[in-house]
């Protein structure tokens, strides 16, 4: 997952390298970014809720970021494609948590798009394939998977989508990359009480009163 920004829209502001940098930039430039940020709506998008839960796990300041975006009337969308389209049309300047592979087909033709992989952490969704036990032709399935995982095909996939190669089959992953593993821990995010609590907290963050963003802790009071 990446954050996508408009090079022209930043008007010379330094690119944020971490989420804390992003919070600071938004707080210090509310007139520029009000109504010009997009992210997933976790109430409508399963991917959006999943990414919210991961951000909450990895970043202790996530709800501070959510509140700042709420004060700036962030646009809540269902899909990465919608956020990318709005940014390319100049309707928004920042799209937070966009699926990286969706951006790759535009990046070569649109120099205004800047892809940010934050240095505190960058989430990576793992593409997963399996062969069902009841598959009609498991041998053909195994051959297809071997073909997909072969080095030549993986290079093509990486070039076309921007998706990193499987670990050990290409360049070393960035130190800040955080692959989201498929394990039993993910089941916790399906708990309905936990989901309701997270969505209620998100809704509260999105309903901030109309006021100037709070000052940074190290800034003027």
N, C-alpha and C. Protein backbone atom coordinates (compact mmCIF):
# COMPACT_ATOMS: atom_id res chain seq x y z
N UNK A 1 0.84 -1.19 0.00
CA UNK A 1 0.00 0.00 0.00
C UNK A 1 0.88 1.24 0.00
N UNK A 2 0.49 2.25 -0.75
CA UNK A 2 1.27 3.47 -0.83
C UNK A 2 0.36 4.67 -0.60
N UNK A 3 0.99 5.82 -0.40
CA UNK A 3 0.27 7.08 -0.42
C UNK A 3 0.66 7.79 -1.70
N UNK A 4 -0.33 8.28 -2.41
CA UNK A 4 -0.13 8.93 -3.69
C UNK A 4 -0.35 10.43 -3.53
N UNK A 5 0.55 11.23 -4.06
CA UNK A 5 0.41 12.69 -3.95
C UNK A 5 0.62 13.33 -5.31
N UNK A 6 0.08 14.53 -5.44
CA UNK A 6 0.26 15.33 -6.65
C UNK A 6 1.48 16.22 -6.47
N UNK A 7 2.43 16.09 -7.37
CA UNK A 7 3.65 16.90 -7.30
C UNK A 7 3.30 18.38 -7.41
N UNK A 8 2.43 18.72 -8.36
CA UNK A 8 2.04 20.13 -8.53
C UNK A 8 1.26 20.63 -7.32
N UNK A 9 0.43 19.76 -6.74
CA UNK A 9 -0.42 20.18 -5.63
C UNK A 9 0.36 20.53 -4.37
N UNK A 10 1.52 19.95 -4.20
CA UNK A 10 2.31 20.25 -3.00
C UNK A 10 2.96 21.63 -3.07
N UNK A 11 3.10 22.18 -4.26
CA UNK A 11 3.65 23.53 -4.42
C UNK A 11 4.97 23.70 -3.67
N UNK A 12 5.87 22.75 -3.83
CA UNK A 12 7.18 22.89 -3.24
C UNK A 12 7.31 22.40 -1.82
N UNK A 13 6.22 21.96 -1.19
CA UNK A 13 6.34 21.39 0.15
C UNK A 13 7.19 20.12 0.09
N UNK A 14 8.02 19.88 1.10
CA UNK A 14 8.82 18.65 1.09
C UNK A 14 7.93 17.42 1.20
N UNK A 15 8.29 16.37 0.49
CA UNK A 15 7.51 15.14 0.54
C UNK A 15 7.62 14.52 1.93
N UNK A 16 6.49 14.16 2.54
CA UNK A 16 6.56 13.49 3.84
C UNK A 16 7.20 12.13 3.72
N UNK A 17 8.09 11.80 4.65
CA UNK A 17 8.79 10.52 4.62
C UNK A 17 8.15 9.51 5.57
N UNK A 18 7.39 9.99 6.54
CA UNK A 18 6.72 9.12 7.51
C UNK A 18 5.31 9.65 7.73
N UNK A 19 4.51 8.88 8.43
CA UNK A 19 3.17 9.33 8.76
C UNK A 19 3.19 10.53 9.70
N UNK A 20 4.17 10.60 10.56
CA UNK A 20 4.28 11.79 11.42
C UNK A 20 4.55 13.03 10.57
N UNK A 21 5.37 12.89 9.54
CA UNK A 21 5.59 14.00 8.62
C UNK A 21 4.30 14.40 7.93
N UNK A 22 3.50 13.40 7.56
CA UNK A 22 2.23 13.68 6.90
C UNK A 22 1.30 14.44 7.83
N UNK A 23 1.22 14.02 9.08
CA UNK A 23 0.37 14.72 10.05
C UNK A 23 0.81 16.18 10.17
N UNK A 24 2.11 16.40 10.30
CA UNK A 24 2.63 17.76 10.44
C UNK A 24 2.29 18.60 9.22
N UNK A 25 2.46 18.04 8.02
CA UNK A 25 2.18 18.79 6.80
C UNK A 25 0.71 19.18 6.71
N UNK A 26 -0.18 18.26 7.06
CA UNK A 26 -1.60 18.55 6.99
C UNK A 26 -2.00 19.61 8.02
N UNK A 27 -1.47 19.51 9.23
CA UNK A 27 -1.79 20.48 10.27
C UNK A 27 -1.32 21.89 9.90
N UNK A 28 -0.17 21.96 9.27
CA UNK A 28 0.42 23.27 8.98
C UNK A 28 -0.13 23.92 7.71
N UNK A 29 -0.88 23.15 6.91
CA UNK A 29 -1.39 23.68 5.64
C UNK A 29 -2.86 23.33 5.44
N UNK A 30 -3.73 23.65 6.41
CA UNK A 30 -5.14 23.25 6.28
C UNK A 30 -5.84 23.88 5.09
N UNK A 31 -5.47 25.12 4.74
CA UNK A 31 -6.13 25.79 3.62
C UNK A 31 -5.84 25.09 2.30
N UNK A 32 -4.71 24.41 2.22
CA UNK A 32 -4.34 23.72 0.98
C UNK A 32 -5.00 22.36 0.88
N UNK A 33 -5.17 21.68 2.00
CA UNK A 33 -5.58 20.29 1.94
C UNK A 33 -7.03 20.03 2.35
N UNK A 34 -7.76 21.04 2.81
CA UNK A 34 -9.16 20.82 3.17
C UNK A 34 -9.96 20.36 1.95
N UNK A 35 -10.60 19.22 2.07
CA UNK A 35 -11.38 18.65 0.96
C UNK A 35 -10.55 18.09 -0.16
N UNK A 36 -9.22 18.01 0.03
CA UNK A 36 -8.33 17.58 -1.05
C UNK A 36 -7.56 16.31 -0.68
N UNK A 37 -8.10 15.53 0.25
CA UNK A 37 -7.50 14.25 0.67
C UNK A 37 -8.53 13.16 0.44
N UNK A 38 -8.07 11.99 0.01
CA UNK A 38 -8.95 10.85 -0.17
C UNK A 38 -8.35 9.63 0.51
N UNK A 39 -9.21 8.78 1.03
CA UNK A 39 -8.78 7.51 1.59
C UNK A 39 -9.96 6.55 1.54
N UNK A 40 -9.74 5.31 1.94
CA UNK A 40 -10.83 4.33 1.94
C UNK A 40 -11.88 4.66 3.00
N UNK A 41 -13.12 4.33 2.69
CA UNK A 41 -14.20 4.36 3.67
C UNK A 41 -14.29 2.97 4.28
N UNK A 42 -13.85 2.79 5.53
CA UNK A 42 -13.82 1.44 6.10
C UNK A 42 -15.21 0.86 6.34
N UNK A 43 -16.23 1.70 6.38
CA UNK A 43 -17.59 1.19 6.57
C UNK A 43 -18.13 0.55 5.29
N UNK A 44 -17.64 0.99 4.13
CA UNK A 44 -18.11 0.46 2.84
C UNK A 44 -17.15 -0.54 2.23
N UNK A 45 -15.88 -0.42 2.57
CA UNK A 45 -14.85 -1.22 1.92
C UNK A 45 -14.21 -2.19 2.90
N UNK A 46 -14.25 -3.46 2.55
CA UNK A 46 -13.58 -4.45 3.39
C UNK A 46 -12.08 -4.21 3.43
N UNK A 47 -11.49 -3.84 2.29
CA UNK A 47 -10.06 -3.52 2.26
C UNK A 47 -9.79 -2.31 3.15
N UNK A 48 -10.68 -1.31 3.10
CA UNK A 48 -10.51 -0.12 3.93
C UNK A 48 -10.51 -0.43 5.41
N UNK A 49 -11.44 -1.28 5.84
CA UNK A 49 -11.47 -1.66 7.26
C UNK A 49 -10.22 -2.45 7.64
N UNK A 50 -9.80 -3.34 6.76
CA UNK A 50 -8.62 -4.14 7.04
C UNK A 50 -7.38 -3.25 7.18
N UNK A 51 -7.23 -2.26 6.30
CA UNK A 51 -6.08 -1.38 6.38
C UNK A 51 -6.15 -0.49 7.61
N UNK A 52 -7.34 -0.06 7.98
CA UNK A 52 -7.50 0.70 9.23
C UNK A 52 -6.99 -0.12 10.41
N UNK A 53 -7.37 -1.39 10.46
CA UNK A 53 -6.96 -2.23 11.59
C UNK A 53 -5.45 -2.44 11.60
N UNK A 54 -4.83 -2.52 10.41
CA UNK A 54 -3.39 -2.69 10.35
C UNK A 54 -2.67 -1.40 10.75
N UNK A 55 -3.16 -0.26 10.29
CA UNK A 55 -2.57 1.02 10.69
C UNK A 55 -2.66 1.20 12.21
N UNK A 56 -3.79 0.82 12.77
CA UNK A 56 -3.97 0.94 14.22
C UNK A 56 -2.97 0.07 14.96
N UNK A 57 -2.61 -1.06 14.37
CA UNK A 57 -1.66 -1.98 15.00
C UNK A 57 -0.22 -1.46 14.90
N UNK A 58 0.14 -0.90 13.75
CA UNK A 58 1.54 -0.54 13.51
C UNK A 58 1.89 0.89 13.92
N UNK A 59 0.92 1.79 13.96
CA UNK A 59 1.21 3.22 14.17
C UNK A 59 0.43 3.73 15.36
N UNK A 60 1.15 4.05 16.44
CA UNK A 60 0.47 4.50 17.66
C UNK A 60 -0.22 5.85 17.46
N UNK A 61 0.18 6.60 16.44
CA UNK A 61 -0.45 7.89 16.18
C UNK A 61 -1.51 7.84 15.10
N UNK A 62 -2.01 6.63 14.77
CA UNK A 62 -2.96 6.53 13.67
C UNK A 62 -4.22 7.34 13.90
N UNK A 63 -4.77 7.28 15.13
CA UNK A 63 -6.03 7.99 15.35
C UNK A 63 -5.83 9.50 15.34
N UNK A 64 -4.62 9.94 15.64
CA UNK A 64 -4.31 11.37 15.49
C UNK A 64 -4.35 11.74 14.00
N UNK A 65 -3.79 10.88 13.15
CA UNK A 65 -3.85 11.11 11.71
C UNK A 65 -5.31 11.11 11.24
N UNK A 66 -6.11 10.16 11.73
CA UNK A 66 -7.52 10.09 11.33
C UNK A 66 -8.26 11.37 11.72
N UNK A 67 -8.00 11.88 12.92
CA UNK A 67 -8.68 13.11 13.37
C UNK A 67 -8.27 14.30 12.52
N UNK A 68 -6.99 14.39 12.17
CA UNK A 68 -6.55 15.49 11.32
C UNK A 68 -7.22 15.41 9.96
N UNK A 69 -7.29 14.22 9.38
CA UNK A 69 -7.97 14.07 8.09
C UNK A 69 -9.45 14.39 8.22
N UNK A 70 -10.06 14.01 9.35
CA UNK A 70 -11.46 14.32 9.56
C UNK A 70 -11.72 15.81 9.60
N UNK A 71 -10.84 16.56 10.28
CA UNK A 71 -10.99 18.01 10.33
C UNK A 71 -10.85 18.65 8.95
N UNK A 72 -10.11 17.99 8.08
CA UNK A 72 -9.88 18.53 6.74
C UNK A 72 -10.87 17.95 5.72
N UNK A 73 -11.96 17.37 6.21
CA UNK A 73 -13.05 16.88 5.34
C UNK A 73 -12.53 15.89 4.29
N UNK A 74 -11.82 14.87 4.78
CA UNK A 74 -11.29 13.85 3.88
C UNK A 74 -12.43 13.20 3.09
N UNK A 75 -12.17 12.89 1.84
CA UNK A 75 -13.12 12.15 1.02
C UNK A 75 -12.96 10.66 1.30
N UNK A 76 -14.06 9.98 1.55
CA UNK A 76 -14.02 8.56 1.85
C UNK A 76 -14.56 7.78 0.66
N UNK A 77 -13.71 6.95 0.07
CA UNK A 77 -14.05 6.26 -1.16
C UNK A 77 -14.06 4.76 -0.96
N UNK A 78 -14.68 4.07 -1.92
CA UNK A 78 -14.77 2.61 -1.83
C UNK A 78 -13.56 1.91 -2.42
N UNK A 79 -12.85 2.61 -3.36
CA UNK A 79 -11.90 1.89 -4.18
C UNK A 79 -10.67 2.73 -4.50
N UNK A 80 -9.56 2.05 -4.71
CA UNK A 80 -8.33 2.73 -5.12
C UNK A 80 -8.51 3.45 -6.45
N UNK A 81 -9.23 2.83 -7.39
CA UNK A 81 -9.41 3.45 -8.70
C UNK A 81 -10.06 4.82 -8.59
N UNK A 82 -11.06 4.95 -7.70
CA UNK A 82 -11.73 6.23 -7.53
C UNK A 82 -10.77 7.28 -6.98
N UNK A 83 -9.94 6.89 -6.00
CA UNK A 83 -8.99 7.85 -5.44
C UNK A 83 -7.96 8.28 -6.48
N UNK A 84 -7.48 7.34 -7.28
CA UNK A 84 -6.49 7.66 -8.31
C UNK A 84 -7.10 8.59 -9.36
N UNK A 85 -8.34 8.31 -9.76
CA UNK A 85 -9.00 9.15 -10.76
C UNK A 85 -9.17 10.57 -10.24
N UNK A 86 -9.55 10.72 -8.98
CA UNK A 86 -9.73 12.06 -8.41
C UNK A 86 -8.40 12.81 -8.34
N UNK A 87 -7.34 12.10 -8.00
CA UNK A 87 -6.05 12.77 -7.92
C UNK A 87 -5.57 13.18 -9.31
N UNK A 88 -5.74 12.32 -10.30
CA UNK A 88 -5.30 12.66 -11.66
C UNK A 88 -6.13 13.80 -12.24
N UNK A 89 -7.38 13.94 -11.79
CA UNK A 89 -8.23 15.03 -12.26
C UNK A 89 -7.98 16.33 -11.50
N UNK A 90 -7.13 16.29 -10.48
CA UNK A 90 -6.85 17.48 -9.71
C UNK A 90 -7.86 17.78 -8.62
N UNK A 91 -8.76 16.82 -8.35
CA UNK A 91 -9.78 17.04 -7.33
C UNK A 91 -9.23 16.84 -5.93
N UNK A 92 -8.24 15.96 -5.78
CA UNK A 92 -7.57 15.76 -4.50
C UNK A 92 -6.07 15.84 -4.73
N UNK A 93 -5.34 16.10 -3.66
CA UNK A 93 -3.89 16.22 -3.73
C UNK A 93 -3.17 15.04 -3.09
N UNK A 94 -3.87 14.33 -2.21
CA UNK A 94 -3.28 13.20 -1.50
C UNK A 94 -4.30 12.06 -1.48
N UNK A 95 -3.84 10.85 -1.80
CA UNK A 95 -4.66 9.65 -1.66
C UNK A 95 -3.92 8.71 -0.72
N UNK A 96 -4.48 8.50 0.47
CA UNK A 96 -3.81 7.71 1.51
C UNK A 96 -4.27 6.26 1.43
N UNK A 97 -3.31 5.34 1.44
CA UNK A 97 -3.56 3.89 1.39
C UNK A 97 -4.20 3.49 0.06
N UNK A 98 -3.40 3.56 -0.99
CA UNK A 98 -3.82 3.13 -2.33
C UNK A 98 -3.09 1.84 -2.67
N UNK A 99 -3.78 0.92 -3.33
CA UNK A 99 -3.14 -0.32 -3.76
C UNK A 99 -2.12 0.01 -4.84
N UNK A 100 -0.87 -0.32 -4.57
CA UNK A 100 0.23 0.11 -5.43
C UNK A 100 0.08 -0.36 -6.87
N UNK A 101 -0.36 -1.58 -7.07
CA UNK A 101 -0.44 -2.13 -8.43
C UNK A 101 -1.43 -1.37 -9.30
N UNK A 102 -2.44 -0.71 -8.68
CA UNK A 102 -3.42 0.05 -9.45
C UNK A 102 -2.79 1.31 -10.04
N UNK A 103 -1.72 1.80 -9.40
CA UNK A 103 -1.10 3.05 -9.83
C UNK A 103 -0.14 2.82 -10.98
N UNK A 104 0.41 1.63 -11.08
CA UNK A 104 1.52 1.39 -12.01
C UNK A 104 1.16 1.68 -13.44
N UNK A 105 -0.08 1.44 -13.84
CA UNK A 105 -0.43 1.66 -15.24
C UNK A 105 -0.52 3.14 -15.61
N UNK A 106 -0.58 4.02 -14.58
CA UNK A 106 -0.64 5.46 -14.85
C UNK A 106 0.72 6.14 -14.70
N UNK A 107 1.55 5.62 -13.80
CA UNK A 107 2.79 6.31 -13.43
C UNK A 107 3.67 6.68 -14.62
N UNK A 108 3.87 5.80 -15.62
CA UNK A 108 4.77 6.18 -16.71
C UNK A 108 4.26 7.37 -17.52
N UNK A 109 2.93 7.55 -17.57
CA UNK A 109 2.34 8.59 -18.41
C UNK A 109 1.95 9.84 -17.64
N UNK A 110 2.10 9.83 -16.34
CA UNK A 110 1.67 10.97 -15.53
C UNK A 110 2.77 11.35 -14.55
N UNK A 111 3.67 12.24 -14.93
CA UNK A 111 4.78 12.60 -14.05
C UNK A 111 4.35 13.35 -12.81
N UNK A 112 3.08 13.75 -12.74
CA UNK A 112 2.61 14.46 -11.55
C UNK A 112 2.40 13.51 -10.38
N UNK A 113 2.23 12.21 -10.65
CA UNK A 113 1.97 11.24 -9.59
C UNK A 113 3.27 10.90 -8.85
N UNK A 114 3.25 11.07 -7.54
CA UNK A 114 4.38 10.69 -6.70
C UNK A 114 3.92 9.56 -5.78
N UNK A 115 4.62 8.45 -5.82
CA UNK A 115 4.30 7.29 -4.98
C UNK A 115 5.17 7.34 -3.73
N UNK A 116 4.52 7.41 -2.57
CA UNK A 116 5.25 7.46 -1.31
C UNK A 116 5.13 6.12 -0.59
N UNK A 117 6.26 5.52 -0.30
CA UNK A 117 6.31 4.34 0.57
C UNK A 117 6.91 4.82 1.88
N UNK A 118 6.06 5.04 2.87
CA UNK A 118 6.51 5.66 4.11
C UNK A 118 7.58 4.82 4.79
N UNK A 119 8.57 5.52 5.37
CA UNK A 119 9.72 4.86 5.96
C UNK A 119 9.45 4.30 7.35
N UNK A 120 8.33 4.70 7.99
CA UNK A 120 8.01 4.07 9.27
C UNK A 120 7.53 2.65 9.03
N UNK A 121 6.68 2.47 8.04
CA UNK A 121 6.31 1.13 7.56
C UNK A 121 5.47 1.30 6.30
N UNK A 122 5.55 0.30 5.44
CA UNK A 122 4.72 0.24 4.24
C UNK A 122 4.07 -1.13 4.21
N UNK A 123 2.74 -1.15 4.27
CA UNK A 123 2.02 -2.41 4.28
C UNK A 123 2.06 -3.06 2.90
N UNK A 124 2.15 -4.37 2.88
CA UNK A 124 2.16 -5.12 1.62
C UNK A 124 1.15 -6.26 1.72
N UNK A 125 0.16 -6.24 0.84
CA UNK A 125 -0.81 -7.32 0.76
C UNK A 125 -0.21 -8.46 -0.04
N UNK A 126 -0.28 -9.66 0.49
CA UNK A 126 0.30 -10.83 -0.19
C UNK A 126 -0.71 -11.43 -1.15
N UNK A 127 -0.32 -11.55 -2.41
CA UNK A 127 -1.16 -12.26 -3.38
C UNK A 127 -1.06 -13.76 -3.08
N UNK A 128 -2.19 -14.42 -3.00
CA UNK A 128 -2.21 -15.81 -2.56
C UNK A 128 -2.94 -16.68 -3.58
N UNK A 129 -2.39 -17.86 -3.85
CA UNK A 129 -3.04 -18.82 -4.74
C UNK A 129 -2.98 -20.19 -4.07
N UNK A 130 -3.97 -21.01 -4.35
CA UNK A 130 -4.00 -22.36 -3.78
C UNK A 130 -4.71 -23.30 -4.75
N UNK A 131 -4.50 -24.57 -4.50
CA UNK A 131 -5.16 -25.61 -5.29
C UNK A 131 -6.14 -26.33 -4.37
N UNK A 132 -7.45 -26.23 -4.60
CA UNK A 132 -8.42 -26.90 -3.72
C UNK A 132 -8.24 -28.42 -3.77
N UNK A 133 -8.52 -29.05 -2.65
CA UNK A 133 -8.42 -30.51 -2.61
C UNK A 133 -9.37 -31.17 -3.60
N UNK A 134 -10.48 -30.50 -3.88
CA UNK A 134 -11.49 -31.10 -4.76
C UNK A 134 -11.31 -30.61 -6.20
N UNK A 135 -10.15 -30.01 -6.52
CA UNK A 135 -9.92 -29.52 -7.87
C UNK A 135 -10.06 -30.66 -8.88
N UNK A 136 -10.68 -30.37 -10.03
CA UNK A 136 -10.89 -31.40 -11.05
C UNK A 136 -9.57 -31.84 -11.67
N UNK A 137 -8.60 -30.91 -11.74
CA UNK A 137 -7.32 -31.24 -12.37
C UNK A 137 -6.20 -30.59 -11.55
N UNK A 138 -5.87 -31.16 -10.40
CA UNK A 138 -4.85 -30.55 -9.55
C UNK A 138 -3.48 -30.45 -10.21
N UNK A 139 -3.16 -31.38 -11.09
CA UNK A 139 -1.86 -31.33 -11.76
C UNK A 139 -1.75 -30.07 -12.63
N UNK A 140 -2.83 -29.74 -13.34
CA UNK A 140 -2.83 -28.53 -14.16
C UNK A 140 -2.72 -27.29 -13.28
N UNK A 141 -3.37 -27.35 -12.12
CA UNK A 141 -3.26 -26.23 -11.19
C UNK A 141 -1.84 -26.05 -10.70
N UNK A 142 -1.17 -27.15 -10.40
CA UNK A 142 0.21 -27.08 -9.93
C UNK A 142 1.13 -26.53 -11.02
N UNK A 143 0.89 -26.94 -12.26
CA UNK A 143 1.71 -26.43 -13.36
C UNK A 143 1.50 -24.93 -13.57
N UNK A 144 0.25 -24.49 -13.42
CA UNK A 144 -0.04 -23.06 -13.56
C UNK A 144 0.68 -22.26 -12.48
N UNK A 145 0.63 -22.73 -11.23
CA UNK A 145 1.30 -22.02 -10.14
C UNK A 145 2.81 -21.99 -10.36
N UNK A 146 3.38 -23.10 -10.80
CA UNK A 146 4.82 -23.11 -11.08
C UNK A 146 5.18 -22.11 -12.17
N UNK A 147 4.31 -22.00 -13.17
CA UNK A 147 4.54 -21.03 -14.24
C UNK A 147 4.49 -19.60 -13.70
N UNK A 148 3.48 -19.30 -12.90
CA UNK A 148 3.32 -17.95 -12.34
C UNK A 148 4.52 -17.60 -11.47
N UNK A 149 5.03 -18.56 -10.72
CA UNK A 149 6.12 -18.31 -9.78
C UNK A 149 7.50 -18.39 -10.43
N UNK A 150 7.57 -18.72 -11.69
CA UNK A 150 8.87 -18.80 -12.34
C UNK A 150 9.49 -17.41 -12.46
N UNK A 151 10.80 -17.36 -12.48
CA UNK A 151 11.51 -16.08 -12.50
C UNK A 151 11.11 -15.19 -13.67
N UNK A 152 11.01 -15.70 -14.92
CA UNK A 152 10.64 -14.82 -16.04
C UNK A 152 9.26 -14.19 -15.87
N UNK A 153 8.28 -14.97 -15.42
CA UNK A 153 6.92 -14.44 -15.26
C UNK A 153 6.87 -13.46 -14.09
N UNK A 154 7.60 -13.76 -13.03
CA UNK A 154 7.62 -12.84 -11.89
C UNK A 154 8.23 -11.49 -12.28
N UNK A 155 9.23 -11.51 -13.14
CA UNK A 155 9.82 -10.25 -13.61
C UNK A 155 8.80 -9.44 -14.41
N UNK A 156 8.03 -10.13 -15.25
CA UNK A 156 7.00 -9.45 -16.04
C UNK A 156 5.94 -8.84 -15.12
N UNK A 157 5.50 -9.62 -14.11
CA UNK A 157 4.50 -9.13 -13.18
C UNK A 157 5.01 -7.91 -12.43
N UNK A 158 6.26 -7.98 -11.98
CA UNK A 158 6.85 -6.86 -11.24
C UNK A 158 6.94 -5.61 -12.10
N UNK A 159 7.32 -5.78 -13.38
CA UNK A 159 7.44 -4.64 -14.28
C UNK A 159 6.10 -4.01 -14.59
N UNK A 160 5.06 -4.83 -14.75
CA UNK A 160 3.75 -4.32 -15.14
C UNK A 160 2.96 -3.76 -13.96
N UNK A 161 3.16 -4.34 -12.78
CA UNK A 161 2.31 -3.96 -11.64
C UNK A 161 3.04 -3.20 -10.56
N UNK A 162 4.36 -3.24 -10.56
CA UNK A 162 5.09 -2.63 -9.45
C UNK A 162 5.07 -3.47 -8.20
N UNK A 163 4.53 -4.68 -8.29
CA UNK A 163 4.44 -5.56 -7.14
C UNK A 163 5.78 -6.24 -6.90
N UNK A 164 6.31 -6.23 -5.67
CA UNK A 164 7.60 -6.87 -5.41
C UNK A 164 7.58 -8.35 -5.71
N UNK A 165 8.72 -8.87 -6.07
CA UNK A 165 8.86 -10.30 -6.30
C UNK A 165 8.77 -11.06 -4.98
N UNK A 166 8.42 -12.36 -5.02
CA UNK A 166 8.42 -13.16 -3.79
C UNK A 166 9.78 -13.11 -3.13
N UNK A 167 9.79 -13.17 -1.83
CA UNK A 167 11.05 -13.08 -1.07
C UNK A 167 12.04 -14.13 -1.55
N UNK A 168 13.26 -13.68 -1.83
CA UNK A 168 14.31 -14.57 -2.26
C UNK A 168 14.41 -14.75 -3.76
N UNK A 169 13.45 -14.20 -4.52
CA UNK A 169 13.48 -14.39 -5.98
C UNK A 169 13.80 -13.12 -6.74
N UNK A 170 14.15 -12.06 -6.01
CA UNK A 170 14.47 -10.80 -6.66
C UNK A 170 15.25 -9.91 -5.72
N UNK A 171 15.29 -8.60 -6.01
CA UNK A 171 16.00 -7.67 -5.13
C UNK A 171 15.44 -7.73 -3.71
N UNK A 172 16.29 -7.46 -2.74
CA UNK A 172 15.86 -7.48 -1.34
C UNK A 172 14.77 -6.44 -1.10
N UNK A 173 13.78 -6.80 -0.31
CA UNK A 173 12.69 -5.87 0.01
C UNK A 173 13.21 -4.72 0.86
N UNK A 174 12.52 -3.59 0.75
CA UNK A 174 12.89 -2.44 1.58
C UNK A 174 12.72 -2.79 3.05
N UNK A 175 13.56 -2.19 3.89
CA UNK A 175 13.55 -2.53 5.31
C UNK A 175 12.23 -2.17 5.97
N UNK A 176 11.53 -1.18 5.42
CA UNK A 176 10.28 -0.74 6.06
C UNK A 176 9.04 -1.48 5.53
N UNK A 177 9.24 -2.45 4.60
CA UNK A 177 8.10 -3.19 4.07
C UNK A 177 7.55 -4.14 5.13
N UNK A 178 6.24 -4.11 5.34
CA UNK A 178 5.58 -4.97 6.32
C UNK A 178 4.55 -5.85 5.62
N UNK A 179 4.96 -7.04 5.17
CA UNK A 179 3.98 -7.94 4.55
C UNK A 179 2.93 -8.38 5.57
N UNK A 180 1.68 -8.40 5.14
CA UNK A 180 0.59 -8.84 6.00
C UNK A 180 0.44 -10.34 5.81
N UNK A 181 0.86 -11.10 6.79
CA UNK A 181 0.87 -12.56 6.68
C UNK A 181 -0.53 -13.14 6.85
N UNK A 182 -0.79 -14.20 6.11
CA UNK A 182 -2.04 -14.94 6.26
C UNK A 182 -1.88 -15.94 7.39
N UNK A 183 -2.42 -15.58 8.55
CA UNK A 183 -2.35 -16.49 9.68
C UNK A 183 -3.59 -16.31 10.55
N UNK A 184 -3.66 -17.06 11.63
CA UNK A 184 -4.86 -17.04 12.48
C UNK A 184 -5.09 -15.67 13.11
N UNK A 185 -4.03 -14.86 13.24
CA UNK A 185 -4.19 -13.54 13.85
C UNK A 185 -5.14 -12.64 13.09
N UNK A 186 -5.29 -12.88 11.79
CA UNK A 186 -6.18 -12.05 10.99
C UNK A 186 -7.65 -12.27 11.35
N UNK A 187 -7.96 -13.42 11.94
CA UNK A 187 -9.35 -13.71 12.28
C UNK A 187 -9.89 -12.74 13.32
N UNK A 188 -9.00 -12.18 14.13
CA UNK A 188 -9.44 -11.26 15.19
C UNK A 188 -10.14 -10.03 14.62
N UNK A 189 -9.74 -9.62 13.41
CA UNK A 189 -10.32 -8.41 12.83
C UNK A 189 -11.73 -8.64 12.29
N UNK A 190 -12.15 -9.91 12.22
CA UNK A 190 -13.51 -10.21 11.83
C UNK A 190 -14.49 -10.20 12.98
N UNK A 191 -14.00 -10.08 14.21
CA UNK A 191 -14.89 -10.03 15.37
C UNK A 191 -15.81 -8.81 15.25
N UNK A 192 -17.11 -9.04 15.37
CA UNK A 192 -18.08 -7.98 15.13
C UNK A 192 -18.01 -6.85 16.16
N UNK A 193 -17.75 -7.19 17.42
CA UNK A 193 -17.63 -6.14 18.44
C UNK A 193 -16.40 -5.27 18.17
N UNK A 194 -15.31 -5.94 17.80
CA UNK A 194 -14.08 -5.19 17.50
C UNK A 194 -14.29 -4.30 16.28
N UNK A 195 -14.94 -4.83 15.27
CA UNK A 195 -15.20 -4.05 14.07
C UNK A 195 -16.09 -2.85 14.38
N UNK A 196 -17.16 -3.09 15.15
CA UNK A 196 -18.07 -1.98 15.47
C UNK A 196 -17.35 -0.89 16.26
N UNK A 197 -16.48 -1.29 17.19
CA UNK A 197 -15.74 -0.30 17.97
C UNK A 197 -14.80 0.52 17.10
N UNK A 198 -14.11 -0.14 16.17
CA UNK A 198 -13.18 0.58 15.29
C UNK A 198 -13.93 1.53 14.37
N UNK A 199 -15.06 1.07 13.83
CA UNK A 199 -15.82 1.93 12.93
C UNK A 199 -16.45 3.11 13.67
N UNK A 200 -16.86 2.90 14.91
CA UNK A 200 -17.39 4.02 15.70
C UNK A 200 -16.30 5.05 15.98
N UNK A 201 -15.09 4.57 16.27
CA UNK A 201 -13.99 5.50 16.52
C UNK A 201 -13.63 6.25 15.24
N UNK A 202 -13.67 5.56 14.11
CA UNK A 202 -13.40 6.22 12.84
C UNK A 202 -14.46 7.29 12.55
N UNK A 203 -15.72 6.94 12.77
CA UNK A 203 -16.80 7.90 12.51
C UNK A 203 -16.63 9.14 13.39
N UNK A 204 -16.22 8.94 14.64
CA UNK A 204 -15.99 10.08 15.52
C UNK A 204 -14.84 10.95 15.02
N UNK A 205 -13.79 10.31 14.51
CA UNK A 205 -12.65 11.06 13.98
C UNK A 205 -13.05 11.84 12.73
N UNK A 206 -13.96 11.29 11.95
CA UNK A 206 -14.40 11.97 10.73
C UNK A 206 -15.38 13.10 11.00
N UNK A 207 -15.91 13.18 12.21
CA UNK A 207 -16.93 14.18 12.55
C UNK A 207 -16.37 15.23 13.48
N UNK A 208 -15.14 15.65 13.24
CA UNK A 208 -14.52 16.67 14.07
C UNK A 208 -15.22 18.01 13.86
N UNK A 209 -15.31 18.83 14.91
CA UNK A 209 -15.93 20.15 14.76
C UNK A 209 -15.13 21.02 13.82
N UNK A 210 -15.81 21.99 13.23
CA UNK A 210 -15.16 22.90 12.30
C UNK A 210 -14.26 23.85 13.07
N UNK A 211 -12.97 23.54 13.09
CA UNK A 211 -12.02 24.32 13.86
C UNK A 211 -10.66 24.20 13.22
N UNK A 212 -9.77 25.09 13.59
CA UNK A 212 -8.42 25.02 13.07
C UNK A 212 -7.73 23.79 13.63
N UNK A 213 -6.88 23.14 12.86
CA UNK A 213 -6.16 21.97 13.37
C UNK A 213 -5.35 22.33 14.61
N UNK A 214 -5.28 21.39 15.55
CA UNK A 214 -4.54 21.63 16.77
C UNK A 214 -3.08 21.86 16.49
N UNK A 215 -2.39 22.66 17.32
CA UNK A 215 -0.97 22.90 17.06
C UNK A 215 -0.15 21.67 17.32
N UNK A 216 1.01 21.57 16.67
CA UNK A 216 1.91 20.47 16.94
C UNK A 216 2.46 20.60 18.35
N UNK A 217 2.77 19.47 19.01
CA UNK A 217 3.28 19.54 20.38
C UNK A 217 4.53 20.40 20.51
N UNK A 218 5.37 20.43 19.46
CA UNK A 218 6.61 21.20 19.53
C UNK A 218 6.50 22.55 18.85
N UNK A 219 5.28 22.91 18.48
CA UNK A 219 5.07 24.18 17.78
C UNK A 219 4.54 25.25 18.69
N UNK A 220 4.23 26.44 18.14
CA UNK A 220 3.73 27.55 18.95
C UNK A 220 2.37 27.23 19.52
N UNK A 221 2.11 27.68 20.69
CA UNK A 221 0.83 27.43 21.37
C UNK A 221 -0.15 28.56 21.06
